[in-house]
Amino acid sequence: MFVLELTYIAPIERIDAALAEHVAWLDAHYASGVFIASGRKVPRDGGVILAVGEDRAKIEEITRSDPFTVAGVCEYSVTEFIPTKTAPALESYRQELPS
């Protein structure tokens, strides 16, 4: 699992100009099953996405295709982790630590 943290590097007006395309991009990755949660940070200086996948390179490729990245209005930080404990609703994402 991955935590994708977006940090805005442009004025909010430029973020808002690319927002509709960003939301469509999010919707596509929710539909594919890669994204499981997302939202704005408070204060509004970026966002956070929870993503699932086995391949960090693929996740990083996805972040490069974000319209926010293409427009040059955000930077991503990608953190991979192993979800060994979850709420019951997220049990299907639970993993065992490697031996």
N, C-alpha and C. Protein backbone atom coordinates (compact mmCIF):
# COMPACT_ATOMS: atom_id res chain seq x y z
N MET A 1 0.86 -1.16 0.00
CA MET A 1 0.00 0.00 0.00
C MET A 1 0.91 1.23 0.00
N PHE A 2 0.36 2.32 -0.49
CA PHE A 2 1.14 3.54 -0.64
C PHE A 2 0.35 4.74 -0.15
N VAL A 3 1.07 5.65 0.50
CA VAL A 3 0.53 6.96 0.84
C VAL A 3 1.15 7.93 -0.15
N LEU A 4 0.31 8.58 -0.93
CA LEU A 4 0.76 9.57 -1.90
C LEU A 4 0.42 10.94 -1.33
N GLU A 5 1.44 11.72 -1.04
CA GLU A 5 1.21 13.04 -0.48
C GLU A 5 1.53 14.09 -1.53
N LEU A 6 0.54 14.90 -1.85
CA LEU A 6 0.70 16.00 -2.80
C LEU A 6 0.98 17.28 -2.03
N THR A 7 1.92 18.06 -2.52
CA THR A 7 2.19 19.38 -1.97
C THR A 7 2.06 20.38 -3.12
N TYR A 8 1.18 21.35 -2.94
CA TYR A 8 1.00 22.36 -3.98
C TYR A 8 2.23 23.26 -4.05
N ILE A 9 2.65 23.56 -5.28
CA ILE A 9 3.81 24.42 -5.50
C ILE A 9 3.44 25.61 -6.39
N ALA A 10 2.16 25.87 -6.49
CA ALA A 10 1.66 26.98 -7.32
C ALA A 10 0.50 27.64 -6.57
N PRO A 11 0.15 28.85 -6.98
CA PRO A 11 -1.01 29.52 -6.35
C PRO A 11 -2.29 28.70 -6.51
N ILE A 12 -3.17 28.84 -5.54
CA ILE A 12 -4.41 28.06 -5.51
C ILE A 12 -5.25 28.27 -6.77
N GLU A 13 -5.15 29.42 -7.42
CA GLU A 13 -5.89 29.66 -8.66
C GLU A 13 -5.46 28.68 -9.75
N ARG A 14 -4.18 28.36 -9.80
CA ARG A 14 -3.69 27.38 -10.78
C ARG A 14 -4.13 25.97 -10.40
N ILE A 15 -4.20 25.68 -9.11
CA ILE A 15 -4.71 24.38 -8.65
C ILE A 15 -6.16 24.23 -9.10
N ASP A 16 -6.96 25.26 -8.82
CA ASP A 16 -8.38 25.22 -9.17
C ASP A 16 -8.59 25.10 -10.67
N ALA A 17 -7.70 25.69 -11.47
CA ALA A 17 -7.83 25.60 -12.93
C ALA A 17 -7.64 24.17 -13.43
N ALA A 18 -6.86 23.37 -12.71
CA ALA A 18 -6.60 21.98 -13.12
C ALA A 18 -7.45 20.98 -12.35
N LEU A 19 -8.31 21.45 -11.46
CA LEU A 19 -9.04 20.57 -10.54
C LEU A 19 -9.97 19.59 -11.24
N ALA A 20 -10.73 20.03 -12.23
CA ALA A 20 -11.68 19.13 -12.90
C ALA A 20 -10.94 17.96 -13.56
N GLU A 21 -9.81 18.24 -14.20
CA GLU A 21 -9.02 17.16 -14.82
C GLU A 21 -8.44 16.24 -13.76
N HIS A 22 -8.00 16.81 -12.64
CA HIS A 22 -7.46 16.01 -11.55
C HIS A 22 -8.53 15.07 -10.99
N VAL A 23 -9.75 15.58 -10.80
CA VAL A 23 -10.84 14.76 -10.28
C VAL A 23 -11.17 13.63 -11.25
N ALA A 24 -11.18 13.90 -12.55
CA ALA A 24 -11.41 12.84 -13.55
C ALA A 24 -10.31 11.79 -13.48
N TRP A 25 -9.07 12.22 -13.29
CA TRP A 25 -7.93 11.30 -13.13
C TRP A 25 -8.12 10.44 -11.88
N LEU A 26 -8.52 11.07 -10.76
CA LEU A 26 -8.81 10.31 -9.54
C LEU A 26 -9.89 9.26 -9.81
N ASP A 27 -10.98 9.68 -10.45
CA ASP A 27 -12.10 8.77 -10.72
C ASP A 27 -11.64 7.55 -11.51
N ALA A 28 -10.77 7.76 -12.49
CA ALA A 28 -10.27 6.64 -13.30
C ALA A 28 -9.49 5.65 -12.45
N HIS A 29 -8.71 6.16 -11.50
CA HIS A 29 -7.90 5.26 -10.67
C HIS A 29 -8.72 4.61 -9.55
N TYR A 30 -9.80 5.26 -9.14
CA TYR A 30 -10.75 4.58 -8.25
C TYR A 30 -11.42 3.44 -9.00
N ALA A 31 -11.83 3.69 -10.23
CA ALA A 31 -12.51 2.67 -11.04
C ALA A 31 -11.60 1.46 -11.28
N SER A 32 -10.30 1.70 -11.40
CA SER A 32 -9.36 0.60 -11.65
C SER A 32 -9.01 -0.15 -10.37
N GLY A 33 -9.42 0.38 -9.21
CA GLY A 33 -9.14 -0.28 -7.94
C GLY A 33 -7.82 0.12 -7.30
N VAL A 34 -7.09 1.04 -7.89
CA VAL A 34 -5.79 1.45 -7.34
C VAL A 34 -5.96 2.42 -6.17
N PHE A 35 -6.87 3.36 -6.26
CA PHE A 35 -7.07 4.33 -5.18
C PHE A 35 -8.20 3.86 -4.28
N ILE A 36 -7.99 4.02 -2.96
CA ILE A 36 -9.05 3.61 -2.03
C ILE A 36 -9.52 4.76 -1.14
N ALA A 37 -8.78 5.86 -1.09
CA ALA A 37 -9.21 7.05 -0.33
C ALA A 37 -8.36 8.23 -0.79
N SER A 38 -8.95 9.42 -0.72
CA SER A 38 -8.19 10.62 -1.07
C SER A 38 -8.90 11.83 -0.50
N GLY A 39 -8.16 12.93 -0.41
CA GLY A 39 -8.77 14.17 0.04
C GLY A 39 -7.74 15.28 0.21
N ARG A 40 -8.26 16.47 0.43
CA ARG A 40 -7.42 17.65 0.64
C ARG A 40 -6.80 17.62 2.03
N LYS A 41 -5.61 18.18 2.13
CA LYS A 41 -5.02 18.42 3.43
C LYS A 41 -5.64 19.68 4.02
N VAL A 42 -5.61 19.77 5.34
CA VAL A 42 -6.10 20.95 6.03
C VAL A 42 -4.92 21.49 6.84
N PRO A 43 -4.42 22.69 6.56
CA PRO A 43 -4.93 23.64 5.57
C PRO A 43 -4.71 23.14 4.14
N ARG A 44 -5.37 23.79 3.20
CA ARG A 44 -5.37 23.35 1.81
C ARG A 44 -4.04 23.69 1.11
N ASP A 45 -3.04 22.89 1.41
CA ASP A 45 -1.74 23.06 0.76
C ASP A 45 -1.30 21.81 0.02
N GLY A 46 -2.27 20.92 -0.22
CA GLY A 46 -1.99 19.68 -0.93
C GLY A 46 -3.08 18.67 -0.67
N GLY A 47 -2.73 17.40 -0.82
CA GLY A 47 -3.70 16.33 -0.63
C GLY A 47 -3.01 15.03 -0.29
N VAL A 48 -3.82 14.01 0.00
CA VAL A 48 -3.32 12.69 0.34
C VAL A 48 -4.18 11.66 -0.40
N ILE A 49 -3.51 10.65 -0.94
CA ILE A 49 -4.20 9.54 -1.61
C ILE A 49 -3.67 8.24 -1.03
N LEU A 50 -4.56 7.31 -0.70
CA LEU A 50 -4.15 5.95 -0.35
C LEU A 50 -4.32 5.08 -1.59
N ALA A 51 -3.24 4.40 -1.96
CA ALA A 51 -3.24 3.58 -3.18
C ALA A 51 -2.77 2.18 -2.85
N VAL A 52 -3.28 1.22 -3.62
CA VAL A 52 -2.83 -0.16 -3.47
C VAL A 52 -2.14 -0.61 -4.74
N GLY A 53 -1.15 -1.46 -4.56
CA GLY A 53 -0.41 -1.98 -5.70
C GLY A 53 0.84 -2.67 -5.22
N GLU A 54 1.38 -3.50 -6.07
CA GLU A 54 2.59 -4.25 -5.74
C GLU A 54 3.85 -3.57 -6.25
N ASP A 55 3.70 -2.63 -7.17
CA ASP A 55 4.83 -2.10 -7.91
C ASP A 55 4.98 -0.60 -7.67
N ARG A 56 6.00 -0.21 -6.91
CA ARG A 56 6.23 1.20 -6.61
C ARG A 56 6.45 2.01 -7.90
N ALA A 57 7.16 1.42 -8.86
CA ALA A 57 7.42 2.13 -10.12
C ALA A 57 6.10 2.45 -10.82
N LYS A 58 5.14 1.55 -10.78
CA LYS A 58 3.83 1.79 -11.41
C LYS A 58 3.09 2.92 -10.68
N ILE A 59 3.16 2.91 -9.35
CA ILE A 59 2.51 3.97 -8.58
C ILE A 59 3.15 5.31 -8.91
N GLU A 60 4.47 5.36 -9.00
CA GLU A 60 5.16 6.61 -9.34
C GLU A 60 4.80 7.06 -10.76
N GLU A 61 4.61 6.10 -11.67
CA GLU A 61 4.17 6.43 -13.03
C GLU A 61 2.78 7.07 -13.00
N ILE A 62 1.90 6.53 -12.16
CA ILE A 62 0.56 7.09 -12.01
C ILE A 62 0.64 8.53 -11.51
N THR A 63 1.50 8.80 -10.53
CA THR A 63 1.61 10.17 -10.01
C THR A 63 2.09 11.13 -11.08
N ARG A 64 2.96 10.66 -11.97
CA ARG A 64 3.45 11.53 -13.05
C ARG A 64 2.37 11.84 -14.07
N SER A 65 1.31 11.02 -14.12
CA SER A 65 0.22 11.27 -15.08
C SER A 65 -0.88 12.16 -14.50
N ASP A 66 -0.78 12.51 -13.22
CA ASP A 66 -1.77 13.40 -12.60
C ASP A 66 -1.76 14.75 -13.32
N PRO A 67 -2.90 15.25 -13.74
CA PRO A 67 -2.96 16.57 -14.38
C PRO A 67 -2.32 17.67 -13.52
N PHE A 68 -2.36 17.54 -12.21
CA PHE A 68 -1.66 18.50 -11.35
C PHE A 68 -0.15 18.45 -11.60
N THR A 69 0.40 17.24 -11.74
CA THR A 69 1.83 17.09 -12.02
C THR A 69 2.15 17.64 -13.41
N VAL A 70 1.34 17.26 -14.39
CA VAL A 70 1.55 17.70 -15.77
C VAL A 70 1.52 19.23 -15.85
N ALA A 71 0.63 19.86 -15.10
CA ALA A 71 0.52 21.32 -15.09
C ALA A 71 1.60 21.99 -14.25
N GLY A 72 2.38 21.18 -13.53
CA GLY A 72 3.46 21.72 -12.72
C GLY A 72 2.99 22.45 -11.48
N VAL A 73 1.85 22.00 -10.90
CA VAL A 73 1.31 22.70 -9.73
C VAL A 73 1.46 21.91 -8.42
N CYS A 74 1.99 20.69 -8.50
CA CYS A 74 2.20 19.92 -7.27
C CYS A 74 3.41 19.02 -7.41
N GLU A 75 3.90 18.60 -6.24
CA GLU A 75 4.95 17.59 -6.17
C GLU A 75 4.41 16.45 -5.33
N TYR A 76 4.88 15.24 -5.58
CA TYR A 76 4.45 14.05 -4.85
C TYR A 76 5.56 13.51 -3.97
N SER A 77 5.16 13.00 -2.83
CA SER A 77 5.99 12.16 -1.98
C SER A 77 5.27 10.82 -1.89
N VAL A 78 5.98 9.73 -2.15
CA VAL A 78 5.39 8.39 -2.14
C VAL A 78 6.00 7.60 -0.99
N THR A 79 5.14 7.11 -0.09
CA THR A 79 5.58 6.28 1.03
C THR A 79 4.91 4.92 0.91
N GLU A 80 5.71 3.88 0.85
CA GLU A 80 5.18 2.52 0.81
C GLU A 80 5.13 1.98 2.24
N PHE A 81 4.04 1.27 2.56
CA PHE A 81 3.96 0.62 3.87
C PHE A 81 3.20 -0.68 3.76
N ILE A 82 3.33 -1.50 4.79
CA ILE A 82 2.64 -2.79 4.84
C ILE A 82 1.51 -2.68 5.85
N PRO A 83 0.26 -2.71 5.40
CA PRO A 83 -0.89 -2.56 6.30
C PRO A 83 -1.18 -3.86 7.06
N THR A 84 -0.50 -4.04 8.18
CA THR A 84 -0.66 -5.27 8.96
C THR A 84 -1.90 -5.24 9.86
N LYS A 85 -2.43 -4.05 10.11
CA LYS A 85 -3.67 -3.90 10.86
C LYS A 85 -4.57 -2.96 10.08
N THR A 86 -5.86 -3.27 10.06
CA THR A 86 -6.83 -2.44 9.36
C THR A 86 -8.15 -2.45 10.12
N ALA A 87 -8.99 -1.50 9.80
CA ALA A 87 -10.38 -1.55 10.25
C ALA A 87 -11.05 -2.72 9.52
N PRO A 88 -12.12 -3.26 10.09
CA PRO A 88 -12.78 -4.40 9.43
C PRO A 88 -13.15 -4.13 7.97
N ALA A 89 -13.57 -2.93 7.65
CA ALA A 89 -13.97 -2.62 6.27
C ALA A 89 -12.80 -2.68 5.29
N LEU A 90 -11.58 -2.61 5.80
CA LEU A 90 -10.39 -2.64 4.93
C LEU A 90 -9.63 -3.96 5.06
N GLU A 91 -10.25 -4.95 5.64
CA GLU A 91 -9.58 -6.23 5.89
C GLU A 91 -8.97 -6.84 4.64
N SER A 92 -9.60 -6.64 3.49
CA SER A 92 -9.08 -7.24 2.26
C SER A 92 -7.72 -6.65 1.86
N TYR A 93 -7.35 -5.51 2.45
CA TYR A 93 -6.06 -4.88 2.14
C TYR A 93 -4.96 -5.27 3.15
N ARG A 94 -5.31 -6.00 4.19
CA ARG A 94 -4.36 -6.38 5.22
C ARG A 94 -3.30 -7.31 4.64
N GLN A 95 -2.07 -7.13 5.10
CA GLN A 95 -0.95 -7.95 4.61
C GLN A 95 -0.16 -8.51 5.79
N GLU A 96 0.54 -9.59 5.51
CA GLU A 96 1.46 -10.18 6.47
C GLU A 96 2.84 -9.62 6.22
N LEU A 97 3.62 -9.47 7.29
CA LEU A 97 5.00 -9.05 7.13
C LEU A 97 5.79 -10.15 6.42
N PRO A 98 6.72 -9.77 5.56
CA PRO A 98 7.54 -10.80 4.90
C PRO A 98 8.40 -11.55 5.91
N SER A 99 8.67 -12.77 5.62
CA SER A 99 9.48 -13.60 6.54
C SER A 99 10.93 -13.20 6.51
